[in-house]
Amino acid sequence: MAGTVPHSGPGETRSRRRLSQRANEELWAYIFISPWLIGFIVFTAGAMAYSLGVSFQETNFLNRSEFVGIANYERMIDDPLFWKSVRVTFLYTGLTVPLSTALALGIALLLNQRLMLSSFLRTVYYLPALVSGVAVALVWGWVLDETDGLLNNLLLLVGITGPRWLGSEEWAVPSLVLISLWGTGTNMLLYLAGLQSIPTELKEAARIDGAGPFRSFFNVTLPLLTPTIFFNVVLNVISSFQVFDQAFVLTGGGPNNATLTMVMYLYQRGFGEYGQFEFGYASAIAWALFAIIFGFTVILIRSQSRWVHYEGGLRQ
């Protein structure tokens, strides 16, 4: 008896076509992301892995490298300049993050009102965020100049003698913080987008219940804005710990190491500020900075369940 050849039904044929189409879409997806993926592997992941290996070596790329284990990390513990850079970085971050958060949120609240030229003002406040950090530092170097600077000349008009903004240990870090506050346009736009995404029905319900502007803000607006605040705080913490360009251009880490941030210090160690190209020690400092940033980021992410609220009363 001759055997019969089974025929696939129309349902099975459609299933195979869907699988083939899905595989084709996945293939094209990988093709499109491959340039970014290759760049990430070569210039980010690969560079990080290489830096980690260098941190366990003593090398300046002029002589033969020597494996020294954790000697570079042990050296950091006894290095007073390293701990000075840690304190300066923490001070800068501790001042910049809350001040930039409050300033950007305040500006966003004002620009969220129906005011004349509100669109123009949004553009004006955002423009500084588009300028390179070096250009911003050069402009502020003139503004904060102790003799011919714009700010001190304005203070003289009201009878106040301005301080040595960048030339004194007391005012050097606050000056860098002031410069960073000038570029809060990105944070402002994110807060503005968050404010405009809050349903008007909730604000109207609070108004019907007798809530005034302040009560409505703290009970409705602010809780629903916490996801945006959380996002901005995380980004600000990461960027503040990596501050470099302002200190490099304006002070070079001075005066008397008052603005010696961690990135500034690893740059000095890695590129000959102290007479040797200590790439091993600089890489160790870079990984110490990475550990600090990673630790703070994890703490912020794990703490969001306590204070980040989402629409509908959900908490994540």
C-alpha atoms as a PDB file:
ATOM      1  CA  MET A   1       0.000   0.000   0.000  1.00  0.00           C
ATOM      2  CA  ALA A   2       1.509   3.258  -1.034  1.00  0.00           C
ATOM      3  CA  GLY A   3       2.147   5.807   1.714  1.00  0.00           C
ATOM      4  CA  THR A   4       0.470   9.153   1.625  1.00  0.00           C
ATOM      5  CA  VAL A   5       2.426  12.404   1.893  1.00  0.00           C
ATOM      6  CA  PRO A   6       0.957  14.707   4.528  1.00  0.00           C
ATOM      7  CA  HIS A   7       0.063  18.169   3.352  1.00  0.00           C
ATOM      8  CA  SER A   8       0.360  21.198   5.598  1.00  0.00           C
ATOM      9  CA  GLY A   9      -2.868  22.979   6.210  1.00  0.00           C
ATOM     10  CA  PRO A  10      -3.456  26.682   5.640  1.00  0.00           C
ATOM     11  CA  GLY A  11      -3.012  27.417   9.362  1.00  0.00           C
ATOM     12  CA  GLU A  12       0.437  25.816   9.466  1.00  0.00           C
ATOM     13  CA  THR A  13       1.467  27.681   6.322  1.00  0.00           C
ATOM     14  CA  ARG A  14       0.471  31.026   7.821  1.00  0.00           C
ATOM     15  CA  SER A  15       2.381  30.166  11.006  1.00  0.00           C
ATOM     16  CA  ARG A  16       5.534  29.435   9.034  1.00  0.00           C
ATOM     17  CA  ARG A  17       5.180  32.689   7.130  1.00  0.00           C
ATOM     18  CA  ARG A  18       4.835  34.625  10.362  1.00  0.00           C
ATOM     19  CA  LEU A  19       7.942  32.938  11.775  1.00  0.00           C
ATOM     20  CA  SER A  20       9.874  33.695   8.600  1.00  0.00           C
ATOM     21  CA  GLN A  21       8.734  37.316   8.635  1.00  0.00           C
ATOM     22  CA  ARG A  22       9.650  37.662  12.307  1.00  0.00           C
ATOM     23  CA  ALA A  23      13.111  36.194  11.692  1.00  0.00           C
ATOM     24  CA  ASN A  24      13.601  38.596   8.798  1.00  0.00           C
ATOM     25  CA  GLU A  25      12.589  41.565  10.966  1.00  0.00           C
ATOM     26  CA  GLU A  26      14.957  40.460  13.736  1.00  0.00           C
ATOM     27  CA  LEU A  27      17.790  40.143  11.219  1.00  0.00           C
ATOM     28  CA  TRP A  28      17.239  43.676   9.960  1.00  0.00           C
ATOM     29  CA  ALA A  29      16.978  44.940  13.527  1.00  0.00           C
ATOM     30  CA  TYR A  30      20.415  43.509  14.326  1.00  0.00           C
ATOM     31  CA  ILE A  31      21.794  44.974  11.100  1.00  0.00           C
ATOM     32  CA  PHE A  32      20.546  48.449  12.000  1.00  0.00           C
ATOM     33  CA  ILE A  33      21.904  48.372  15.560  1.00  0.00           C
ATOM     34  CA  SER A  34      25.213  46.795  14.556  1.00  0.00           C
ATOM     35  CA  PRO A  35      27.050  50.138  13.964  1.00  0.00           C
ATOM     36  CA  TRP A  36      26.185  51.305  17.467  1.00  0.00           C
ATOM     37  CA  LEU A  37      26.907  47.874  18.931  1.00  0.00           C
ATOM     38  CA  ILE A  38      30.316  47.669  17.257  1.00  0.00           C
ATOM     39  CA  GLY A  39      31.152  51.193  18.400  1.00  0.00           C
ATOM     40  CA  PHE A  40      30.069  50.392  21.951  1.00  0.00           C
ATOM     41  CA  ILE A  41      32.156  47.216  22.084  1.00  0.00           C
ATOM     42  CA  VAL A  42      35.270  48.852  20.627  1.00  0.00           C
ATOM     43  CA  PHE A  43      35.195  52.330  22.150  1.00  0.00           C
ATOM     44  CA  THR A  44      33.309  51.802  25.435  1.00  0.00           C
ATOM     45  CA  ALA A  45      33.250  48.219  26.677  1.00  0.00           C
ATOM     46  CA  GLY A  46      36.622  47.426  25.142  1.00  0.00           C
ATOM     47  CA  ALA A  47      38.199  50.602  26.488  1.00  0.00           C
ATOM     48  CA  MET A  48      36.784  49.936  29.960  1.00  0.00           C
ATOM     49  CA  ALA A  49      38.125  46.381  29.962  1.00  0.00           C
ATOM     50  CA  TYR A  50      41.537  47.622  28.830  1.00  0.00           C
ATOM     51  CA  SER A  51      41.525  50.339  31.507  1.00  0.00           C
ATOM     52  CA  LEU A  52      40.690  47.751  34.152  1.00  0.00           C
ATOM     53  CA  GLY A  53      43.681  45.685  33.082  1.00  0.00           C
ATOM     54  CA  VAL A  54      45.961  48.734  33.072  1.00  0.00           C
ATOM     55  CA  SER A  55      44.873  49.610  36.626  1.00  0.00           C
ATOM     56  CA  PHE A  56      46.712  46.489  37.821  1.00  0.00           C
ATOM     57  CA  GLN A  57      49.918  47.497  36.069  1.00  0.00           C
ATOM     58  CA  GLU A  58      52.651  50.053  36.469  1.00  0.00           C
ATOM     59  CA  THR A  59      53.095  51.579  33.049  1.00  0.00           C
ATOM     60  CA  ASN A  60      53.603  54.869  31.294  1.00  0.00           C
ATOM     61  CA  PHE A  61      53.652  53.370  27.780  1.00  0.00           C
ATOM     62  CA  LEU A  62      57.274  54.499  27.454  1.00  0.00           C
ATOM     63  CA  ASN A  63      58.730  51.639  29.460  1.00  0.00           C
ATOM     64  CA  ARG A  64      57.718  48.015  29.739  1.00  0.00           C
ATOM     65  CA  SER A  65      54.525  47.406  31.705  1.00  0.00           C
ATOM     66  CA  GLU A  66      54.777  45.530  34.980  1.00  0.00           C
ATOM     67  CA  PHE A  67      51.934  43.758  36.751  1.00  0.00           C
ATOM     68  CA  VAL A  68      51.657  45.123  40.297  1.00  0.00           C
ATOM     69  CA  GLY A  69      48.334  43.643  41.441  1.00  0.00           C
ATOM     70  CA  ILE A  70      46.332  45.973  43.664  1.00  0.00           C
ATOM     71  CA  ALA A  71      49.291  48.232  44.419  1.00  0.00           C
ATOM     72  CA  ASN A  72      47.709  51.176  42.585  1.00  0.00           C
ATOM     73  CA  TYR A  73      44.544  50.832  44.662  1.00  0.00           C
ATOM     74  CA  GLU A  74      46.563  50.575  47.868  1.00  0.00           C
ATOM     75  CA  ARG A  75      48.416  53.698  46.818  1.00  0.00           C
ATOM     76  CA  MET A  76      45.143  55.628  46.662  1.00  0.00           C
ATOM     77  CA  ILE A  77      44.457  54.897  50.318  1.00  0.00           C
ATOM     78  CA  ASP A  78      47.666  56.671  51.355  1.00  0.00           C
ATOM     79  CA  ASP A  79      47.450  59.468  48.777  1.00  0.00           C
ATOM     80  CA  PRO A  80      46.278  62.733  50.401  1.00  0.00           C
ATOM     81  CA  LEU A  81      45.651  64.352  47.017  1.00  0.00           C
ATOM     82  CA  PHE A  82      43.308  61.527  46.066  1.00  0.00           C
ATOM     83  CA  TRP A  83      41.225  62.064  49.190  1.00  0.00           C
ATOM     84  CA  LYS A  84      41.332  65.807  48.556  1.00  0.00           C
ATOM     85  CA  SER A  85      39.872  65.204  45.092  1.00  0.00           C
ATOM     86  CA  VAL A  86      37.182  62.973  46.607  1.00  0.00           C
ATOM     87  CA  ARG A  87      36.162  65.707  49.073  1.00  0.00           C
ATOM     88  CA  VAL A  88      36.088  68.368  46.360  1.00  0.00           C
ATOM     89  CA  THR A  89      33.995  66.152  44.081  1.00  0.00           C
ATOM     90  CA  PHE A  90      31.527  65.324  46.851  1.00  0.00           C
ATOM     91  CA  LEU A  91      31.261  69.005  47.796  1.00  0.00           C
ATOM     92  CA  TYR A  92      30.604  70.016  44.204  1.00  0.00           C
ATOM     93  CA  THR A  93      28.018  67.270  43.740  1.00  0.00           C
ATOM     94  CA  GLY A  94      26.346  68.011  47.072  1.00  0.00           C
ATOM     95  CA  LEU A  95      25.880  71.645  46.076  1.00  0.00           C
ATOM     96  CA  THR A  96      25.103  71.234  42.388  1.00  0.00           C
ATOM     97  CA  VAL A  97      22.449  68.503  42.474  1.00  0.00           C
ATOM     98  CA  PRO A  98      19.939  70.088  44.907  1.00  0.00           C
ATOM     99  CA  LEU A  99      20.476  73.623  43.616  1.00  0.00           C
ATOM    100  CA  SER A 100      20.115  72.668  39.954  1.00  0.00           C
ATOM    101  CA  THR A 101      17.036  70.590  40.791  1.00  0.00           C
ATOM    102  CA  ALA A 102      15.355  73.464  42.617  1.00  0.00           C
ATOM    103  CA  LEU A 103      16.314  76.071  40.016  1.00  0.00           C
ATOM    104  CA  ALA A 104      15.230  74.004  37.009  1.00  0.00           C
ATOM    105  CA  LEU A 105      11.947  73.067  38.664  1.00  0.00           C
ATOM    106  CA  GLY A 106      11.254  76.680  39.612  1.00  0.00           C
ATOM    107  CA  ILE A 107      11.872  77.907  36.071  1.00  0.00           C
ATOM    108  CA  ALA A 108       9.709  75.105  34.659  1.00  0.00           C
ATOM    109  CA  LEU A 109       6.845  76.064  36.973  1.00  0.00           C
ATOM    110  CA  LEU A 110       7.041  79.670  35.796  1.00  0.00           C
ATOM    111  CA  LEU A 111       7.250  78.775  32.116  1.00  0.00           C
ATOM    112  CA  ASN A 112       4.358  76.345  32.478  1.00  0.00           C
ATOM    113  CA  GLN A 113       2.058  79.304  33.057  1.00  0.00           C
ATOM    114  CA  ARG A 114       0.301  81.032  30.191  1.00  0.00           C
ATOM    115  CA  LEU A 115       2.637  83.979  29.869  1.00  0.00           C
ATOM    116  CA  MET A 116       3.610  86.209  26.999  1.00  0.00           C
ATOM    117  CA  LEU A 117       6.758  85.086  25.186  1.00  0.00           C
ATOM    118  CA  SER A 118       6.761  81.801  27.113  1.00  0.00           C
ATOM    119  CA  SER A 119       7.955  79.856  24.046  1.00  0.00           C
ATOM    120  CA  PHE A 120      10.735  82.374  23.464  1.00  0.00           C
ATOM    121  CA  LEU A 121      11.815  82.194  27.110  1.00  0.00           C
ATOM    122  CA  ARG A 122      11.924  78.402  26.987  1.00  0.00           C
ATOM    123  CA  THR A 123      14.309  78.631  24.061  1.00  0.00           C
ATOM    124  CA  VAL A 124      16.456  81.231  25.810  1.00  0.00           C
ATOM    125  CA  TYR A 125      16.759  79.157  28.985  1.00  0.00           C
ATOM    126  CA  TYR A 126      17.646  76.053  26.988  1.00  0.00           C
ATOM    127  CA  LEU A 127      20.309  77.638  24.755  1.00  0.00           C
ATOM    128  CA  PRO A 128      23.155  77.479  27.345  1.00  0.00           C
ATOM    129  CA  ALA A 129      22.762  73.701  27.454  1.00  0.00           C
ATOM    130  CA  LEU A 130      23.712  73.562  23.761  1.00  0.00           C
ATOM    131  CA  VAL A 131      27.028  75.386  24.205  1.00  0.00           C
ATOM    132  CA  SER A 132      30.165  73.329  24.789  1.00  0.00           C
ATOM    133  CA  GLY A 133      31.558  73.219  28.305  1.00  0.00           C
ATOM    134  CA  VAL A 134      34.854  74.813  27.256  1.00  0.00           C
ATOM    135  CA  ALA A 135      33.088  77.775  25.631  1.00  0.00           C
ATOM    136  CA  VAL A 136      30.916  78.231  28.711  1.00  0.00           C
ATOM    137  CA  ALA A 137      33.993  78.138  30.940  1.00  0.00           C
ATOM    138  CA  LEU A 138      35.757  80.796  28.854  1.00  0.00           C
ATOM    139  CA  VAL A 139      32.755  83.130  29.038  1.00  0.00           C
ATOM    140  CA  TRP A 140      32.405  82.662  32.777  1.00  0.00           C
ATOM    141  CA  GLY A 141      36.132  83.195  33.220  1.00  0.00           C
ATOM    142  CA  TRP A 142      35.558  86.741  32.008  1.00  0.00           C
ATOM    143  CA  VAL A 143      32.374  87.184  34.060  1.00  0.00           C
ATOM    144  CA  LEU A 144      34.088  86.051  37.271  1.00  0.00           C
ATOM    145  CA  ASP A 145      37.393  87.861  36.749  1.00  0.00           C
ATOM    146  CA  GLU A 146      38.274  89.533  40.031  1.00  0.00           C
ATOM    147  CA  THR A 147      39.430  92.829  38.491  1.00  0.00           C
ATOM    148  CA  ASP A 148      37.629  93.357  35.184  1.00  0.00           C
ATOM    149  CA  GLY A 149      34.870  90.776  35.522  1.00  0.00           C
ATOM    150  CA  LEU A 150      31.265  91.650  34.774  1.00  0.00           C
ATOM    151  CA  LEU A 151      29.927  90.309  38.072  1.00  0.00           C
ATOM    152  CA  ASN A 152      32.308  92.236  40.331  1.00  0.00           C
ATOM    153  CA  ASN A 153      31.739  95.427  38.338  1.00  0.00           C
ATOM    154  CA  LEU A 154      27.989  95.034  38.828  1.00  0.00           C
ATOM    155  CA  LEU A 155      28.524  94.504  42.545  1.00  0.00           C
ATOM    156  CA  LEU A 156      30.604  97.680  42.713  1.00  0.00           C
ATOM    157  CA  LEU A 157      27.626  99.644  41.414  1.00  0.00           C
ATOM    158  CA  VAL A 158      25.780  98.826  44.643  1.00  0.00           C
ATOM    159  CA  GLY A 159      28.820  99.358  46.857  1.00  0.00           C
ATOM    160  CA  ILE A 160      29.865  95.724  47.259  1.00  0.00           C
ATOM    161  CA  THR A 161      33.420  94.565  46.668  1.00  0.00           C
ATOM    162  CA  GLY A 162      33.251  91.207  44.973  1.00  0.00           C
ATOM    163  CA  PRO A 163      35.433  88.302  46.110  1.00  0.00           C
ATOM    164  CA  ARG A 164      38.151  86.542  44.155  1.00  0.00           C
ATOM    165  CA  TRP A 165      35.731  84.063  42.663  1.00  0.00           C
ATOM    166  CA  LEU A 166      38.225  81.725  41.043  1.00  0.00           C
ATOM    167  CA  GLY A 167      41.324  82.869  42.911  1.00  0.00           C
ATOM    168  CA  SER A 168      40.349  81.992  46.484  1.00  0.00           C
ATOM    169  CA  GLU A 169      39.893  78.583  48.056  1.00  0.00           C
ATOM    170  CA  GLU A 170      36.605  79.611  49.676  1.00  0.00           C
ATOM    171  CA  TRP A 171      34.884  80.721  46.470  1.00  0.00           C
ATOM    172  CA  ALA A 172      36.430  78.430  43.844  1.00  0.00           C
ATOM    173  CA  VAL A 173      34.001  75.506  44.202  1.00  0.00           C
ATOM    174  CA  PRO A 174      30.922  77.765  44.602  1.00  0.00           C
ATOM    175  CA  SER A 175      32.010  79.482  41.383  1.00  0.00           C
ATOM    176  CA  LEU A 176      32.031  76.156  39.543  1.00  0.00           C
ATOM    177  CA  VAL A 177      28.596  75.411  40.985  1.00  0.00           C
ATOM    178  CA  LEU A 178      27.345  78.791  39.750  1.00  0.00           C
ATOM    179  CA  ILE A 179      28.605  77.989  36.262  1.00  0.00           C
ATOM    180  CA  SER A 180      26.849  74.623  36.291  1.00  0.00           C
ATOM    181  CA  LEU A 181      23.542  76.247  37.294  1.00  0.00           C
ATOM    182  CA  TRP A 182      23.681  78.355  34.149  1.00  0.00           C
ATOM    183  CA  GLY A 183      23.209  75.212  32.066  1.00  0.00           C
ATOM    184  CA  THR A 184      20.075  73.766  33.656  1.00  0.00           C
ATOM    185  CA  GLY A 185      18.084  74.111  30.440  1.00  0.00           C
ATOM    186  CA  THR A 186      17.872  70.373  29.811  1.00  0.00           C
ATOM    187  CA  ASN A 187      16.552  69.716  33.308  1.00  0.00           C
ATOM    188  CA  MET A 188      14.092  72.574  32.896  1.00  0.00           C
ATOM    189  CA  LEU A 189      12.693  71.088  29.684  1.00  0.00           C
ATOM    190  CA  LEU A 190      12.286  67.676  31.298  1.00  0.00           C
ATOM    191  CA  TYR A 191      10.427  69.197  34.246  1.00  0.00           C
ATOM    192  CA  LEU A 192       8.281  71.209  31.857  1.00  0.00           C
ATOM    193  CA  ALA A 193       7.384  68.049  29.954  1.00  0.00           C
ATOM    194  CA  GLY A 194       6.566  66.333  33.236  1.00  0.00           C
ATOM    195  CA  LEU A 195       4.332  69.195  34.333  1.00  0.00           C
ATOM    196  CA  GLN A 196       2.439  69.187  31.053  1.00  0.00           C
ATOM    197  CA  SER A 197       1.886  65.425  31.242  1.00  0.00           C
ATOM    198  CA  ILE A 198      -0.005  65.691  34.542  1.00  0.00           C
ATOM    199  CA  PRO A 199      -3.748  65.261  33.839  1.00  0.00           C
ATOM    200  CA  THR A 200      -5.675  68.478  34.308  1.00  0.00           C
ATOM    201  CA  GLU A 201      -8.557  66.448  35.776  1.00  0.00           C
ATOM    202  CA  LEU A 202      -6.529  65.793  38.920  1.00  0.00           C
ATOM    203  CA  LYS A 203      -5.766  69.474  39.402  1.00  0.00           C
ATOM    204  CA  GLU A 204      -9.406  70.387  38.812  1.00  0.00           C
ATOM    205  CA  ALA A 205     -10.553  67.754  41.316  1.00  0.00           C
ATOM    206  CA  ALA A 206      -8.169  69.161  43.918  1.00  0.00           C
ATOM    207  CA  ARG A 207      -9.459  72.661  43.220  1.00  0.00           C
ATOM    208  CA  ILE A 208     -13.062  71.493  43.642  1.00  0.00           C
ATOM    209  CA  ASP A 209     -12.105  69.903  46.967  1.00  0.00           C
ATOM    210  CA  GLY A 210     -10.927  73.306  48.146  1.00  0.00           C
ATOM    211  CA  ALA A 211      -7.183  72.882  47.698  1.00  0.00           C
ATOM    212  CA  GLY A 212      -5.283  76.102  47.148  1.00  0.00           C
ATOM    213  CA  PRO A 213      -2.277  76.511  44.837  1.00  0.00           C
ATOM    214  CA  PHE A 214       0.290  75.384  47.426  1.00  0.00           C
ATOM    215  CA  ARG A 215      -1.725  72.408  48.627  1.00  0.00           C
ATOM    216  CA  SER A 216      -2.474  71.390  45.046  1.00  0.00           C
ATOM    217  CA  PHE A 217       1.221  71.589  44.195  1.00  0.00           C
ATOM    218  CA  PHE A 218       2.434  69.502  47.144  1.00  0.00           C
ATOM    219  CA  ASN A 219      -0.420  66.969  47.070  1.00  0.00           C
ATOM    220  CA  VAL A 220      -0.937  66.548  43.325  1.00  0.00           C
ATOM    221  CA  THR A 221       1.755  68.116  41.154  1.00  0.00           C
ATOM    222  CA  LEU A 222       4.876  67.262  43.132  1.00  0.00           C
ATOM    223  CA  PRO A 223       4.026  63.572  43.756  1.00  0.00           C
ATOM    224  CA  LEU A 224       3.256  63.018  40.070  1.00  0.00           C
ATOM    225  CA  LEU A 225       6.448  64.849  39.129  1.00  0.00           C
ATOM    226  CA  THR A 226       8.681  62.591  41.244  1.00  0.00           C
ATOM    227  CA  PRO A 227       9.480  60.230  38.315  1.00  0.00           C
ATOM    228  CA  THR A 228      10.908  63.190  36.408  1.00  0.00           C
ATOM    229  CA  ILE A 229      12.722  64.422  39.513  1.00  0.00           C
ATOM    230  CA  PHE A 230      14.194  60.959  40.021  1.00  0.00           C
ATOM    231  CA  PHE A 231      15.410  60.804  36.422  1.00  0.00           C
ATOM    232  CA  ASN A 232      16.998  64.264  36.616  1.00  0.00           C
ATOM    233  CA  VAL A 233      18.644  63.596  39.971  1.00  0.00           C
ATOM    234  CA  VAL A 234      20.265  60.398  38.705  1.00  0.00           C
ATOM    235  CA  LEU A 235      21.612  62.158  35.613  1.00  0.00           C
ATOM    236  CA  ASN A 236      22.805  65.149  37.651  1.00  0.00           C
ATOM    237  CA  VAL A 237      24.619  62.954  40.167  1.00  0.00           C
ATOM    238  CA  ILE A 238      26.407  61.060  37.400  1.00  0.00           C
ATOM    239  CA  SER A 239      27.411  64.221  35.516  1.00  0.00           C
ATOM    240  CA  SER A 240      28.450  66.113  38.671  1.00  0.00           C
ATOM    241  CA  PHE A 241      30.834  63.380  39.753  1.00  0.00           C
ATOM    242  CA  GLN A 242      32.464  63.611  36.311  1.00  0.00           C
ATOM    243  CA  VAL A 243      32.973  67.393  36.300  1.00  0.00           C
ATOM    244  CA  PHE A 244      36.179  68.320  34.516  1.00  0.00           C
ATOM    245  CA  ASP A 245      36.033  70.957  31.785  1.00  0.00           C
ATOM    246  CA  GLN A 246      35.254  73.993  33.981  1.00  0.00           C
ATOM    247  CA  ALA A 247      37.989  73.140  36.477  1.00  0.00           C
ATOM    248  CA  PHE A 248      40.477  72.355  33.717  1.00  0.00           C
ATOM    249  CA  VAL A 249      39.901  75.576  31.771  1.00  0.00           C
ATOM    250  CA  LEU A 250      39.417  78.048  34.626  1.00  0.00           C
ATOM    251  CA  THR A 251      41.521  76.871  37.557  1.00  0.00           C
ATOM    252  CA  GLY A 252      43.580  73.840  36.542  1.00  0.00           C
ATOM    253  CA  GLY A 253      42.612  72.319  39.878  1.00  0.00           C
ATOM    254  CA  GLY A 254      43.707  75.341  41.916  1.00  0.00           C
ATOM    255  CA  PRO A 255      44.003  77.454  43.854  1.00  0.00           C
ATOM    256  CA  ASN A 256      45.883  75.150  46.227  1.00  0.00           C
ATOM    257  CA  ASN A 257      43.940  72.142  44.841  1.00  0.00           C
ATOM    258  CA  ALA A 258      40.626  73.710  45.879  1.00  0.00           C
ATOM    259  CA  THR A 259      38.999  72.557  42.619  1.00  0.00           C
ATOM    260  CA  LEU A 260      40.934  69.307  42.213  1.00  0.00           C
ATOM    261  CA  THR A 261      38.080  67.011  41.222  1.00  0.00           C
ATOM    262  CA  MET A 262      38.579  63.276  40.756  1.00  0.00           C
ATOM    263  CA  VAL A 263      38.539  63.504  36.969  1.00  0.00           C
ATOM    264  CA  MET A 264      40.946  66.428  37.131  1.00  0.00           C
ATOM    265  CA  TYR A 265      43.306  64.446  39.352  1.00  0.00           C
ATOM    266  CA  LEU A 266      43.277  61.310  37.209  1.00  0.00           C
ATOM    267  CA  TYR A 267      43.960  63.530  34.179  1.00  0.00           C
ATOM    268  CA  GLN A 268      46.940  65.078  35.917  1.00  0.00           C
ATOM    269  CA  ARG A 269      48.300  61.674  36.882  1.00  0.00           C
ATOM    270  CA  GLY A 270      47.679  60.155  33.493  1.00  0.00           C
ATOM    271  CA  PHE A 271      49.023  62.936  31.305  1.00  0.00           C
ATOM    272  CA  GLY A 272      52.161  64.120  32.988  1.00  0.00           C
ATOM    273  CA  GLU A 273      51.127  66.888  35.371  1.00  0.00           C
ATOM    274  CA  TYR A 274      53.388  65.342  38.005  1.00  0.00           C
ATOM    275  CA  GLY A 275      56.243  64.486  35.651  1.00  0.00           C
ATOM    276  CA  GLN A 276      55.249  60.929  34.704  1.00  0.00           C
ATOM    277  CA  PHE A 277      52.520  59.395  32.592  1.00  0.00           C
ATOM    278  CA  GLU A 278      51.108  57.172  35.332  1.00  0.00           C
ATOM    279  CA  PHE A 279      48.396  55.466  33.320  1.00  0.00           C
ATOM    280  CA  GLY A 280      48.108  52.573  35.755  1.00  0.00           C
ATOM    281  CA  TYR A 281      47.424  54.821  38.722  1.00  0.00           C
ATOM    282  CA  ALA A 282      45.125  57.060  36.664  1.00  0.00           C
ATOM    283  CA  SER A 283      43.116  54.009  35.572  1.00  0.00           C
ATOM    284  CA  ALA A 284      42.785  52.920  39.196  1.00  0.00           C
ATOM    285  CA  ILE A 285      41.423  56.365  40.102  1.00  0.00           C
ATOM    286  CA  ALA A 286      38.989  56.129  37.188  1.00  0.00           C
ATOM    287  CA  TRP A 287      37.675  52.807  38.459  1.00  0.00           C
ATOM    288  CA  ALA A 288      37.366  54.191  41.975  1.00  0.00           C
ATOM    289  CA  LEU A 289      35.251  56.992  40.515  1.00  0.00           C
ATOM    290  CA  PHE A 290      33.190  54.448  38.587  1.00  0.00           C
ATOM    291  CA  ALA A 291      32.575  52.501  41.807  1.00  0.00           C
ATOM    292  CA  ILE A 292      31.410  55.666  43.588  1.00  0.00           C
ATOM    293  CA  ILE A 293      29.054  56.652  40.762  1.00  0.00           C
ATOM    294  CA  PHE A 294      27.726  53.112  40.464  1.00  0.00           C
ATOM    295  CA  GLY A 295      27.139  52.924  44.223  1.00  0.00           C
ATOM    296  CA  PHE A 296      25.218  56.190  44.347  1.00  0.00           C
ATOM    297  CA  THR A 297      23.183  55.212  41.298  1.00  0.00           C
ATOM    298  CA  VAL A 298      22.212  51.895  42.880  1.00  0.00           C
ATOM    299  CA  ILE A 299      21.237  53.657  46.115  1.00  0.00           C
ATOM    300  CA  LEU A 300      19.035  56.111  44.222  1.00  0.00           C
ATOM    301  CA  ILE A 301      17.375  53.366  42.191  1.00  0.00           C
ATOM    302  CA  ARG A 302      16.684  51.233  45.260  1.00  0.00           C
ATOM    303  CA  SER A 303      15.316  54.229  47.179  1.00  0.00           C
ATOM    304  CA  GLN A 304      12.789  55.238  44.531  1.00  0.00           C
ATOM    305  CA  SER A 305      10.150  52.891  45.960  1.00  0.00           C
ATOM    306  CA  ARG A 306       9.983  55.167  49.016  1.00  0.00           C
ATOM    307  CA  TRP A 307       9.417  58.492  47.319  1.00  0.00           C
ATOM    308  CA  VAL A 308       8.702  58.091  43.601  1.00  0.00           C
ATOM    309  CA  HIS A 309       4.963  58.102  42.862  1.00  0.00           C
ATOM    310  CA  TYR A 310       3.214  57.318  39.623  1.00  0.00           C
ATOM    311  CA  GLU A 311      -0.177  58.301  38.279  1.00  0.00           C
ATOM    312  CA  GLY A 312      -2.992  56.266  39.781  1.00  0.00           C
ATOM    313  CA  GLY A 313      -1.389  56.043  43.202  1.00  0.00           C
ATOM    314  CA  LEU A 314       1.111  53.375  42.156  1.00  0.00           C
ATOM    315  CA  ARG A 315       4.536  53.387  43.711  1.00  0.00           C
ATOM    316  CA  GLN A 316       7.505  51.719  42.137  1.00  0.00           C
END
